[in-house]
Amino acid sequence: MTQQSQELNEQRILSHENQNESLEETIERIKQRIIQTGDKPHVTVARQLQILNQLADFPLGKFLLQNGGLNGY
């Protein structure tokens, strides 16, 4: 692999990544946002917090929380 292709590959690997925030900080930030926003017409705060906790229990869920989703590229 050439240096240029390696650099390009590294840039594409995790385009959402926020390396300045730990998983715990990410979870707390999302939790506070859920609480501040309140119930939605289709889901309560309690259910949103339950889903947040469930996501934090497995590797893909942790990845989604820290990276804000999956990159479709």
PDB file of N, CA and C in Angstrom:
ATOM      1  N   MET A   1       0.855  -1.180   0.000  1.00  0.00           N
ATOM      2  CA  MET A   1       0.000   0.000   0.000  1.00  0.00           C
ATOM      3  C   MET A   1       0.897   1.238   0.000  1.00  0.00           C
ATOM      4  N   THR A   2       0.604   2.162  -0.877  1.00  0.00           N
ATOM      5  CA  THR A   2       1.392   3.386  -0.932  1.00  0.00           C
ATOM      6  C   THR A   2       1.027   4.290   0.229  1.00  0.00           C
ATOM      7  N   GLN A   3       1.902   5.236   0.504  1.00  0.00           N
ATOM      8  CA  GLN A   3       1.640   6.157   1.618  1.00  0.00           C
ATOM      9  C   GLN A   3       0.380   6.970   1.353  1.00  0.00           C
ATOM     10  N   GLN A   4       0.178   7.391   0.107  1.00  0.00           N
ATOM     11  CA  GLN A   4      -0.997   8.191  -0.230  1.00  0.00           C
ATOM     12  C   GLN A   4      -2.280   7.386  -0.018  1.00  0.00           C
ATOM     13  N   SER A   5      -2.309   6.132  -0.463  1.00  0.00           N
ATOM     14  CA  SER A   5      -3.519   5.332  -0.281  1.00  0.00           C
ATOM     15  C   SER A   5      -3.744   5.000   1.191  1.00  0.00           C
ATOM     16  N   GLN A   6      -2.669   4.818   1.947  1.00  0.00           N
ATOM     17  CA  GLN A   6      -2.796   4.562   3.382  1.00  0.00           C
ATOM     18  C   GLN A   6      -3.385   5.778   4.091  1.00  0.00           C
ATOM     19  N   GLU A   7      -2.928   6.977   3.740  1.00  0.00           N
ATOM     20  CA  GLU A   7      -3.466   8.199   4.346  1.00  0.00           C
ATOM     21  C   GLU A   7      -4.938   8.367   4.004  1.00  0.00           C
ATOM     22  N   LEU A   8      -5.307   8.088   2.760  1.00  0.00           N
ATOM     23  CA  LEU A   8      -6.697   8.192   2.340  1.00  0.00           C
ATOM     24  C   LEU A   8      -7.554   7.188   3.104  1.00  0.00           C
ATOM     25  N   ASN A   9      -7.057   5.967   3.247  1.00  0.00           N
ATOM     26  CA  ASN A   9      -7.780   4.940   3.982  1.00  0.00           C
ATOM     27  C   ASN A   9      -7.982   5.343   5.437  1.00  0.00           C
ATOM     28  N   GLU A  10      -6.966   5.895   6.074  1.00  0.00           N
ATOM     29  CA  GLU A  10      -7.070   6.332   7.467  1.00  0.00           C
ATOM     30  C   GLU A  10      -8.094   7.448   7.620  1.00  0.00           C
ATOM     31  N   GLN A  11      -8.200   8.311   6.629  1.00  0.00           N
ATOM     32  CA  GLN A  11      -9.165   9.410   6.687  1.00  0.00           C
ATOM     33  C   GLN A  11     -10.593   8.887   6.593  1.00  0.00           C
ATOM     34  N   ARG A  12     -10.807   7.785   5.907  1.00  0.00           N
ATOM     35  CA  ARG A  12     -12.153   7.270   5.685  1.00  0.00           C
ATOM     36  C   ARG A  12     -12.619   6.303   6.761  1.00  0.00           C
ATOM     37  N   ILE A  13     -11.732   5.814   7.570  1.00  0.00           N
ATOM     38  CA  ILE A  13     -12.096   4.757   8.501  1.00  0.00           C
ATOM     39  C   ILE A  13     -13.201   5.193   9.462  1.00  0.00           C
ATOM     40  N   LEU A  14     -13.021   6.279  10.164  1.00  0.00           N
ATOM     41  CA  LEU A  14     -14.017   6.742  11.135  1.00  0.00           C
ATOM     42  C   LEU A  14     -14.264   8.229  10.950  1.00  0.00           C
ATOM     43  N   SER A  15     -15.049   8.566   9.956  1.00  0.00           N
ATOM     44  CA  SER A  15     -15.247   9.980   9.659  1.00  0.00           C
ATOM     45  C   SER A  15     -16.054  10.705  10.725  1.00  0.00           C
ATOM     46  N   HIS A  16     -16.812   9.974  11.553  1.00  0.00           N
ATOM     47  CA  HIS A  16     -17.621  10.612  12.593  1.00  0.00           C
ATOM     48  C   HIS A  16     -16.868  10.777  13.905  1.00  0.00           C
ATOM     49  N   GLU A  17     -15.752  10.092  14.049  1.00  0.00           N
ATOM     50  CA  GLU A  17     -15.095   9.939  15.344  1.00  0.00           C
ATOM     51  C   GLU A  17     -14.791  11.260  16.055  1.00  0.00           C
ATOM     52  N   ASN A  18     -15.110  11.277  17.344  1.00  0.00           N
ATOM     53  CA  ASN A  18     -14.767  12.394  18.217  1.00  0.00           C
ATOM     54  C   ASN A  18     -13.821  11.849  19.278  1.00  0.00           C
ATOM     55  N   GLN A  19     -12.524  11.981  19.062  1.00  0.00           N
ATOM     56  CA  GLN A  19     -11.538  11.385  19.948  1.00  0.00           C
ATOM     57  C   GLN A  19     -11.349  12.171  21.239  1.00  0.00           C
ATOM     58  N   ASN A  20     -11.957  13.315  21.366  1.00  0.00           N
ATOM     59  CA  ASN A  20     -11.778  14.151  22.552  1.00  0.00           C
ATOM     60  C   ASN A  20     -12.754  13.814  23.668  1.00  0.00           C
ATOM     61  N   GLU A  21     -13.647  12.873  23.447  1.00  0.00           N
ATOM     62  CA  GLU A  21     -14.694  12.581  24.419  1.00  0.00           C
ATOM     63  C   GLU A  21     -14.704  11.078  24.725  1.00  0.00           C
ATOM     64  N   SER A  22     -14.680  10.725  26.003  1.00  0.00           N
ATOM     65  CA  SER A  22     -14.738   9.315  26.396  1.00  0.00           C
ATOM     66  C   SER A  22     -16.162   8.790  26.198  1.00  0.00           C
ATOM     67  N   LEU A  23     -16.303   7.486  26.234  1.00  0.00           N
ATOM     68  CA  LEU A  23     -17.628   6.883  26.105  1.00  0.00           C
ATOM     69  C   LEU A  23     -18.549   7.368  27.218  1.00  0.00           C
ATOM     70  N   GLU A  24     -18.028   7.433  28.430  1.00  0.00           N
ATOM     71  CA  GLU A  24     -18.836   7.889  29.565  1.00  0.00           C
ATOM     72  C   GLU A  24     -19.309   9.328  29.368  1.00  0.00           C
ATOM     73  N   GLU A  25     -18.427  10.185  28.858  1.00  0.00           N
ATOM     74  CA  GLU A  25     -18.803  11.583  28.594  1.00  0.00           C
ATOM     75  C   GLU A  25     -19.853  11.656  27.491  1.00  0.00           C
ATOM     76  N   THR A  26     -19.704  10.833  26.477  1.00  0.00           N
ATOM     77  CA  THR A  26     -20.674  10.798  25.383  1.00  0.00           C
ATOM     78  C   THR A  26     -22.041  10.384  25.902  1.00  0.00           C
ATOM     79  N   ILE A  27     -22.079   9.332  26.698  1.00  0.00           N
ATOM     80  CA  ILE A  27     -23.347   8.852  27.255  1.00  0.00           C
ATOM     81  C   ILE A  27     -23.992   9.921  28.129  1.00  0.00           C
ATOM     82  N   GLU A  28     -23.213  10.577  28.958  1.00  0.00           N
ATOM     83  CA  GLU A  28     -23.749  11.629  29.827  1.00  0.00           C
ATOM     84  C   GLU A  28     -24.281  12.808  29.008  1.00  0.00           C
ATOM     85  N   ARG A  29     -23.564  13.189  27.959  1.00  0.00           N
ATOM     86  CA  ARG A  29     -24.013  14.293  27.096  1.00  0.00           C
ATOM     87  C   ARG A  29     -25.346  13.948  26.433  1.00  0.00           C
ATOM     88  N   ILE A  30     -25.451  12.735  25.914  1.00  0.00           N
ATOM     89  CA  ILE A  30     -26.693  12.303  25.269  1.00  0.00           C
ATOM     90  C   ILE A  30     -27.820  12.220  26.293  1.00  0.00           C
ATOM     91  N   LYS A  31     -27.524  11.692  27.466  1.00  0.00           N
ATOM     92  CA  LYS A  31     -28.520  11.589  28.538  1.00  0.00           C
ATOM     93  C   LYS A  31     -29.072  12.965  28.899  1.00  0.00           C
ATOM     94  N   GLN A  32     -28.199  13.942  29.074  1.00  0.00           N
ATOM     95  CA  GLN A  32     -28.641  15.297  29.417  1.00  0.00           C
ATOM     96  C   GLN A  32     -29.485  15.909  28.299  1.00  0.00           C
ATOM     97  N   ARG A  33     -29.105  15.649  27.049  1.00  0.00           N
ATOM     98  CA  ARG A  33     -29.885  16.159  25.918  1.00  0.00           C
ATOM     99  C   ARG A  33     -31.277  15.544  25.905  1.00  0.00           C
ATOM    100  N   ILE A  34     -31.374  14.255  26.168  1.00  0.00           N
ATOM    101  CA  ILE A  34     -32.672  13.573  26.214  1.00  0.00           C
ATOM    102  C   ILE A  34     -33.544  14.175  27.312  1.00  0.00           C
ATOM    103  N   ILE A  35     -32.977  14.368  28.482  1.00  0.00           N
ATOM    104  CA  ILE A  35     -33.726  14.922  29.616  1.00  0.00           C
ATOM    105  C   ILE A  35     -34.182  16.346  29.319  1.00  0.00           C
ATOM    106  N   GLN A  36     -33.297  17.167  28.761  1.00  0.00           N
ATOM    107  CA  GLN A  36     -33.641  18.561  28.451  1.00  0.00           C
ATOM    108  C   GLN A  36     -34.717  18.653  27.377  1.00  0.00           C
ATOM    109  N   THR A  37     -34.665  17.762  26.401  1.00  0.00           N
ATOM    110  CA  THR A  37     -35.632  17.790  25.302  1.00  0.00           C
ATOM    111  C   THR A  37     -37.003  17.310  25.759  1.00  0.00           C
ATOM    112  N   GLY A  38     -37.024  16.373  26.689  1.00  0.00           N
ATOM    113  CA  GLY A  38     -38.290  15.878  27.229  1.00  0.00           C
ATOM    114  C   GLY A  38     -38.945  14.825  26.348  1.00  0.00           C
ATOM    115  N   ASP A  39     -40.157  14.463  26.746  1.00  0.00           N
ATOM    116  CA  ASP A  39     -40.913  13.460  25.998  1.00  0.00           C
ATOM    117  C   ASP A  39     -41.168  13.936  24.578  1.00  0.00           C
ATOM    118  N   LYS A  40     -41.165  12.998  23.671  1.00  0.00           N
ATOM    119  CA  LYS A  40     -41.519  13.270  22.278  1.00  0.00           C
ATOM    120  C   LYS A  40     -42.889  12.644  22.038  1.00  0.00           C
ATOM    121  N   PRO A  41     -43.570  13.028  20.965  1.00  0.00           N
ATOM    122  CA  PRO A  41     -44.904  12.465  20.728  1.00  0.00           C
ATOM    123  C   PRO A  41     -44.917  10.933  20.658  1.00  0.00           C
ATOM    124  N   HIS A  42     -43.825  10.347  20.211  1.00  0.00           N
ATOM    125  CA  HIS A  42     -43.782   8.904  19.987  1.00  0.00           C
ATOM    126  C   HIS A  42     -42.933   8.130  20.998  1.00  0.00           C
ATOM    127  N   VAL A  43     -42.241   8.815  21.913  1.00  0.00           N
ATOM    128  CA  VAL A  43     -41.386   8.109  22.875  1.00  0.00           C
ATOM    129  C   VAL A  43     -41.140   8.982  24.105  1.00  0.00           C
ATOM    130  N   THR A  44     -41.183   8.352  25.274  1.00  0.00           N
ATOM    131  CA  THR A  44     -40.964   9.079  26.529  1.00  0.00           C
ATOM    132  C   THR A  44     -39.469   9.213  26.823  1.00  0.00           C
ATOM    133  N   VAL A  45     -39.162  10.102  27.747  1.00  0.00           N
ATOM    134  CA  VAL A  45     -37.777  10.252  28.209  1.00  0.00           C
ATOM    135  C   VAL A  45     -37.294   8.937  28.805  1.00  0.00           C
ATOM    136  N   ALA A  46     -38.135   8.301  29.605  1.00  0.00           N
ATOM    137  CA  ALA A  46     -37.744   7.044  30.249  1.00  0.00           C
ATOM    138  C   ALA A  46     -37.361   5.989  29.214  1.00  0.00           C
ATOM    139  N   ARG A  47     -38.137   5.882  28.147  1.00  0.00           N
ATOM    140  CA  ARG A  47     -37.840   4.889  27.104  1.00  0.00           C
ATOM    141  C   ARG A  47     -36.552   5.250  26.366  1.00  0.00           C
ATOM    142  N   GLN A  48     -36.341   6.530  26.096  1.00  0.00           N
ATOM    143  CA  GLN A  48     -35.108   6.954  25.424  1.00  0.00           C
ATOM    144  C   GLN A  48     -33.881   6.628  26.275  1.00  0.00           C
ATOM    145  N   LEU A  49     -33.983   6.856  27.583  1.00  0.00           N
ATOM    146  CA  LEU A  49     -32.870   6.543  28.478  1.00  0.00           C
ATOM    147  C   LEU A  49     -32.639   5.035  28.554  1.00  0.00           C
ATOM    148  N   GLN A  50     -33.710   4.280  28.493  1.00  0.00           N
ATOM    149  CA  GLN A  50     -33.595   2.822  28.484  1.00  0.00           C
ATOM    150  C   GLN A  50     -32.854   2.361  27.225  1.00  0.00           C
ATOM    151  N   ILE A  51     -33.199   2.928  26.086  1.00  0.00           N
ATOM    152  CA  ILE A  51     -32.522   2.589  24.829  1.00  0.00           C
ATOM    153  C   ILE A  51     -31.053   3.001  24.888  1.00  0.00           C
ATOM    154  N   LEU A  52     -30.774   4.173  25.434  1.00  0.00           N
ATOM    155  CA  LEU A  52     -29.393   4.633  25.589  1.00  0.00           C
ATOM    156  C   LEU A  52     -28.584   3.630  26.405  1.00  0.00           C
ATOM    157  N   ASN A  53     -29.135   3.176  27.516  1.00  0.00           N
ATOM    158  CA  ASN A  53     -28.446   2.197  28.358  1.00  0.00           C
ATOM    159  C   ASN A  53     -28.248   0.873  27.631  1.00  0.00           C
ATOM    160  N   GLN A  54     -29.227   0.463  26.848  1.00  0.00           N
ATOM    161  CA  GLN A  54     -29.099  -0.777  26.088  1.00  0.00           C
ATOM    162  C   GLN A  54     -28.000  -0.661  25.031  1.00  0.00           C
ATOM    163  N   LEU A  55     -27.929   0.478  24.359  1.00  0.00           N
ATOM    164  CA  LEU A  55     -26.875   0.683  23.359  1.00  0.00           C
ATOM    165  C   LEU A  55     -25.492   0.629  23.994  1.00  0.00           C
ATOM    166  N   ALA A  56     -25.379   1.128  25.203  1.00  0.00           N
ATOM    167  CA  ALA A  56     -24.084   1.165  25.888  1.00  0.00           C
ATOM    168  C   ALA A  56     -23.628  -0.212  26.368  1.00  0.00           C
ATOM    169  N   ASP A  57     -24.472  -1.225  26.200  1.00  0.00           N
ATOM    170  CA  ASP A  57     -24.156  -2.568  26.693  1.00  0.00           C
ATOM    171  C   ASP A  57     -23.469  -3.480  25.680  1.00  0.00           C
ATOM    172  N   PHE A  58     -23.337  -3.063  24.423  1.00  0.00           N
ATOM    173  CA  PHE A  58     -22.701  -3.948  23.452  1.00  0.00           C
ATOM    174  C   PHE A  58     -21.828  -3.136  22.493  1.00  0.00           C
ATOM    175  N   PRO A  59     -20.829  -3.766  21.905  1.00  0.00           N
ATOM    176  CA  PRO A  59     -19.822  -3.040  21.114  1.00  0.00           C
ATOM    177  C   PRO A  59     -20.383  -2.178  19.983  1.00  0.00           C
ATOM    178  N   LEU A  60     -21.321  -2.704  19.188  1.00  0.00           N
ATOM    179  CA  LEU A  60     -21.857  -1.892  18.094  1.00  0.00           C
ATOM    180  C   LEU A  60     -22.621  -0.690  18.639  1.00  0.00           C
ATOM    181  N   GLY A  61     -23.356  -0.877  19.717  1.00  0.00           N
ATOM    182  CA  GLY A  61     -24.075   0.233  20.336  1.00  0.00           C
ATOM    183  C   GLY A  61     -23.128   1.314  20.818  1.00  0.00           C
ATOM    184  N   LYS A  62     -22.033   0.909  21.443  1.00  0.00           N
ATOM    185  CA  LYS A  62     -21.020   1.868  21.894  1.00  0.00           C
ATOM    186  C   LYS A  62     -20.432   2.620  20.712  1.00  0.00           C
ATOM    187  N   PHE A  63     -20.167   1.894  19.632  1.00  0.00           N
ATOM    188  CA  PHE A  63     -19.634   2.520  18.424  1.00  0.00           C
ATOM    189  C   PHE A  63     -20.612   3.564  17.894  1.00  0.00           C
ATOM    190  N   LEU A  64     -21.883   3.207  17.821  1.00  0.00           N
ATOM    191  CA  LEU A  64     -22.896   4.138  17.320  1.00  0.00           C
ATOM    192  C   LEU A  64     -22.988   5.386  18.192  1.00  0.00           C
ATOM    193  N   LEU A  65     -22.934   5.211  19.501  1.00  0.00           N
ATOM    194  CA  LEU A  65     -23.003   6.355  20.406  1.00  0.00           C
ATOM    195  C   LEU A  65     -21.803   7.278  20.224  1.00  0.00           C
ATOM    196  N   GLN A  66     -20.611   6.709  20.183  1.00  0.00           N
ATOM    197  CA  GLN A  66     -19.405   7.538  20.103  1.00  0.00           C
ATOM    198  C   GLN A  66     -19.194   8.160  18.736  1.00  0.00           C
ATOM    199  N   ASN A  67     -19.675   7.501  17.687  1.00  0.00           N
ATOM    200  CA  ASN A  67     -19.405   7.982  16.338  1.00  0.00           C
ATOM    201  C   ASN A  67     -20.612   8.617  15.669  1.00  0.00           C
ATOM    202  N   GLY A  68     -21.738   8.644  16.343  1.00  0.00           N
ATOM    203  CA  GLY A  68     -22.920   9.300  15.805  1.00  0.00           C
ATOM    204  C   GLY A  68     -23.575   8.558  14.662  1.00  0.00           C
ATOM    205  N   GLY A  69     -23.318   7.287  14.531  1.00  0.00           N
ATOM    206  CA  GLY A  69     -23.928   6.489  13.475  1.00  0.00           C
ATOM    207  C   GLY A  69     -22.886   5.755  12.663  1.00  0.00           C
ATOM    208  N   LEU A  70     -23.344   5.231  11.537  1.00  0.00           N
ATOM    209  CA  LEU A  70     -22.463   4.521  10.618  1.00  0.00           C
ATOM    210  C   LEU A  70     -22.306   5.340   9.354  1.00  0.00           C
ATOM    211  N   ASN A  71     -21.114   5.373   8.841  1.00  0.00           N
ATOM    212  CA  ASN A  71     -20.850   6.086   7.603  1.00  0.00           C
ATOM    213  C   ASN A  71     -21.195   5.171   6.442  1.00  0.00           C
ATOM    214  N   GLY A  72     -22.033   5.636   5.545  1.00  0.00           N
ATOM    215  CA  GLY A  72     -22.471   4.822   4.415  1.00  0.00           C
ATOM    216  C   GLY A  72     -21.534   4.814   3.233  1.00  0.00           C
ATOM    217  N   TYR A  73     -20.372   5.422   3.345  1.00  0.00           N
ATOM    218  CA  TYR A  73     -19.446   5.470   2.213  1.00  0.00           C
ATOM    219  C   TYR A  73     -18.686   4.192   2.097  1.00  0.00           C
TER     220      TYR A  73
END
